[in-house]
Amino acid sequence: MPYFILMLAVLAETIGTTALQASQQFSRPLPSIIVVVAYGAAFYLLAIALRTFPVGVAYAMWSGMGIVFIAIIGFAVFGQTLDMAAIIGIALIMSGILVINLFSGTATH
């Protein structure tokens, strides 16, 4: 269940960041409202996940997965491209998340 809560936090953060791009610097009301609600939900869910995960591990997974998902959404929805250095960097972030979850004893309390 803790991983599910953390994934919901990542989903909410991803929705909020996508809406942030769509809000056009908070000039569009509906996406702007979605930003506030989604980030509120993301931080609330992250706080619940912190009951189980150490803060550094939870934040690494939350922010790392958010970066990967936003990069994919940026490409698919907004037509943003990444150069090879960005792709390698994102692959390293994904690798770090895998290392934490597969080999670290601190992934959960």
C-alpha atoms as a PDB file:
ATOM      1  CA  MET A   1       0.000   0.000   0.000  1.00  0.00           C
ATOM      2  CA  PRO A   2       2.804   2.541   0.679  1.00  0.00           C
ATOM      3  CA  TYR A   3       4.064   2.205  -2.889  1.00  0.00           C
ATOM      4  CA  PHE A   4       0.512   2.717  -4.179  1.00  0.00           C
ATOM      5  CA  ILE A   5       0.166   5.921  -2.124  1.00  0.00           C
ATOM      6  CA  LEU A   6       3.521   7.134  -3.413  1.00  0.00           C
ATOM      7  CA  MET A   7       2.479   6.385  -6.997  1.00  0.00           C
ATOM      8  CA  LEU A   8      -0.726   8.378  -6.455  1.00  0.00           C
ATOM      9  CA  ALA A   9       1.439  11.251  -5.205  1.00  0.00           C
ATOM     10  CA  VAL A  10       3.549  11.000  -8.367  1.00  0.00           C
ATOM     11  CA  LEU A  11       0.403  10.920 -10.508  1.00  0.00           C
ATOM     12  CA  ALA A  12      -0.984  14.017  -8.791  1.00  0.00           C
ATOM     13  CA  GLU A  13       2.344  15.832  -9.167  1.00  0.00           C
ATOM     14  CA  THR A  14       2.481  14.876 -12.841  1.00  0.00           C
ATOM     15  CA  ILE A  15      -1.047  16.154 -13.415  1.00  0.00           C
ATOM     16  CA  GLY A  16      -0.172  19.378 -11.613  1.00  0.00           C
ATOM     17  CA  THR A  17       2.977  19.948 -13.643  1.00  0.00           C
ATOM     18  CA  THR A  18       1.188  19.194 -16.907  1.00  0.00           C
ATOM     19  CA  ALA A  19      -1.547  21.655 -15.944  1.00  0.00           C
ATOM     20  CA  LEU A  20       1.145  24.197 -15.041  1.00  0.00           C
ATOM     21  CA  GLN A  21       2.399  24.079 -18.624  1.00  0.00           C
ATOM     22  CA  ALA A  22      -1.175  24.262 -19.933  1.00  0.00           C
ATOM     23  CA  SER A  23      -2.025  27.221 -17.660  1.00  0.00           C
ATOM     24  CA  GLN A  24       0.262  29.468 -19.716  1.00  0.00           C
ATOM     25  CA  GLN A  25       1.779  31.184 -16.675  1.00  0.00           C
ATOM     26  CA  PHE A  26      -1.539  31.056 -14.745  1.00  0.00           C
ATOM     27  CA  SER A  27      -3.370  33.025 -17.439  1.00  0.00           C
ATOM     28  CA  ARG A  28      -5.923  30.233 -18.022  1.00  0.00           C
ATOM     29  CA  PRO A  29      -8.286  29.635 -15.068  1.00  0.00           C
ATOM     30  CA  LEU A  30      -9.124  25.910 -15.352  1.00  0.00           C
ATOM     31  CA  PRO A  31      -5.557  24.628 -15.712  1.00  0.00           C
ATOM     32  CA  SER A  32      -4.504  27.028 -12.940  1.00  0.00           C
ATOM     33  CA  ILE A  33      -7.094  25.543 -10.574  1.00  0.00           C
ATOM     34  CA  ILE A  34      -5.950  22.034 -11.518  1.00  0.00           C
ATOM     35  CA  VAL A  35      -2.357  23.019 -10.639  1.00  0.00           C
ATOM     36  CA  VAL A  36      -3.318  24.066  -7.107  1.00  0.00           C
ATOM     37  CA  VAL A  37      -5.561  21.068  -6.443  1.00  0.00           C
ATOM     38  CA  ALA A  38      -3.142  18.524  -7.929  1.00  0.00           C
ATOM     39  CA  TYR A  39      -0.114  19.862  -6.057  1.00  0.00           C
ATOM     40  CA  GLY A  40      -2.134  19.932  -2.833  1.00  0.00           C
ATOM     41  CA  ALA A  41      -3.078  16.293  -3.373  1.00  0.00           C
ATOM     42  CA  ALA A  42       0.504  15.396  -4.317  1.00  0.00           C
ATOM     43  CA  PHE A  43       1.972  16.839  -1.127  1.00  0.00           C
ATOM     44  CA  TYR A  44      -0.770  15.326   1.026  1.00  0.00           C
ATOM     45  CA  LEU A  45      -0.170  11.880  -0.469  1.00  0.00           C
ATOM     46  CA  LEU A  46       3.592  12.314  -0.170  1.00  0.00           C
ATOM     47  CA  ALA A  47       3.113  13.141   3.510  1.00  0.00           C
ATOM     48  CA  ILE A  48       1.169   9.898   3.971  1.00  0.00           C
ATOM     49  CA  ALA A  49       3.929   7.963   2.190  1.00  0.00           C
ATOM     50  CA  LEU A  50       6.430   9.444   4.655  1.00  0.00           C
ATOM     51  CA  ARG A  51       4.840   7.295   7.361  1.00  0.00           C
ATOM     52  CA  THR A  52       6.580   4.359   5.689  1.00  0.00           C
ATOM     53  CA  PHE A  53       9.470   5.728   3.628  1.00  0.00           C
ATOM     54  CA  PRO A  54      12.400   7.818   4.873  1.00  0.00           C
ATOM     55  CA  VAL A  55      12.058  11.358   3.538  1.00  0.00           C
ATOM     56  CA  GLY A  56      15.141  11.184   1.307  1.00  0.00           C
ATOM     57  CA  VAL A  57      14.062   7.934  -0.308  1.00  0.00           C
ATOM     58  CA  ALA A  58      10.442   9.026  -0.746  1.00  0.00           C
ATOM     59  CA  TYR A  59      11.456  12.345  -2.256  1.00  0.00           C
ATOM     60  CA  ALA A  60      13.978  10.698  -4.576  1.00  0.00           C
ATOM     61  CA  MET A  61      11.354   8.304  -5.890  1.00  0.00           C
ATOM     62  CA  TRP A  62       8.601  10.962  -6.062  1.00  0.00           C
ATOM     63  CA  SER A  63      10.663  13.552  -7.867  1.00  0.00           C
ATOM     64  CA  GLY A  64      12.535  11.042 -10.040  1.00  0.00           C
ATOM     65  CA  MET A  65       9.410   9.339 -11.316  1.00  0.00           C
ATOM     66  CA  GLY A  66       7.795  12.738 -11.811  1.00  0.00           C
ATOM     67  CA  ILE A  67      10.730  13.857 -13.963  1.00  0.00           C
ATOM     68  CA  VAL A  68      10.478  10.758 -16.140  1.00  0.00           C
ATOM     69  CA  PHE A  69       6.702  11.036 -16.584  1.00  0.00           C
ATOM     70  CA  ILE A  70       6.825  14.773 -17.313  1.00  0.00           C
ATOM     71  CA  ALA A  71       9.538  14.256 -19.919  1.00  0.00           C
ATOM     72  CA  ILE A  72       7.312  11.687 -21.640  1.00  0.00           C
ATOM     73  CA  ILE A  73       4.251  13.952 -21.412  1.00  0.00           C
ATOM     74  CA  GLY A  74       6.276  16.928 -22.655  1.00  0.00           C
ATOM     75  CA  PHE A  75       7.227  14.925 -25.727  1.00  0.00           C
ATOM     76  CA  ALA A  76       3.824  13.307 -26.358  1.00  0.00           C
ATOM     77  CA  VAL A  77       1.507  16.213 -25.514  1.00  0.00           C
ATOM     78  CA  PHE A  78       3.519  19.399 -25.951  1.00  0.00           C
ATOM     79  CA  GLY A  79       5.891  18.286 -28.720  1.00  0.00           C
ATOM     80  CA  GLN A  80       8.999  19.023 -26.658  1.00  0.00           C
ATOM     81  CA  THR A  81      12.139  17.156 -27.632  1.00  0.00           C
ATOM     82  CA  LEU A  82      15.107  16.019 -25.583  1.00  0.00           C
ATOM     83  CA  ASP A  83      18.715  15.843 -26.684  1.00  0.00           C
ATOM     84  CA  MET A  84      20.916  12.831 -25.987  1.00  0.00           C
ATOM     85  CA  ALA A  85      22.345  14.331 -22.787  1.00  0.00           C
ATOM     86  CA  ALA A  86      18.823  14.793 -21.381  1.00  0.00           C
ATOM     87  CA  ILE A  87      17.842  11.251 -22.334  1.00  0.00           C
ATOM     88  CA  ILE A  88      20.967   9.844 -20.664  1.00  0.00           C
ATOM     89  CA  GLY A  89      20.311  11.927 -17.559  1.00  0.00           C
ATOM     90  CA  ILE A  90      16.733  10.687 -17.314  1.00  0.00           C
ATOM     91  CA  ALA A  91      17.950   7.097 -17.786  1.00  0.00           C
ATOM     92  CA  LEU A  92      20.362   7.638 -14.881  1.00  0.00           C
ATOM     93  CA  ILE A  93      17.495   8.932 -12.732  1.00  0.00           C
ATOM     94  CA  MET A  94      15.485   5.813 -13.566  1.00  0.00           C
ATOM     95  CA  SER A  95      18.519   3.684 -12.734  1.00  0.00           C
ATOM     96  CA  GLY A  96      18.842   5.399  -9.369  1.00  0.00           C
ATOM     97  CA  ILE A  97      15.209   4.686  -8.532  1.00  0.00           C
ATOM     98  CA  LEU A  98      15.719   1.036  -9.436  1.00  0.00           C
ATOM     99  CA  VAL A  99      18.875   0.786  -7.313  1.00  0.00           C
ATOM    100  CA  ILE A 100      17.045   2.250  -4.315  1.00  0.00           C
ATOM    101  CA  ASN A 101      14.117  -0.139  -4.658  1.00  0.00           C
ATOM    102  CA  LEU A 102      16.060  -3.277  -5.499  1.00  0.00           C
ATOM    103  CA  PHE A 103      19.134  -3.004  -3.306  1.00  0.00           C
ATOM    104  CA  SER A 104      18.604  -0.459  -0.529  1.00  0.00           C
ATOM    105  CA  GLY A 105      17.469  -1.553   2.889  1.00  0.00           C
ATOM    106  CA  THR A 106      16.186   1.955   3.566  1.00  0.00           C
ATOM    107  CA  ALA A 107      13.420   1.853   0.924  1.00  0.00           C
ATOM    108  CA  THR A 108      10.885   1.295   3.723  1.00  0.00           C
ATOM    109  CA  HIS A 109      11.036   1.589   7.500  1.00  0.00           C
END
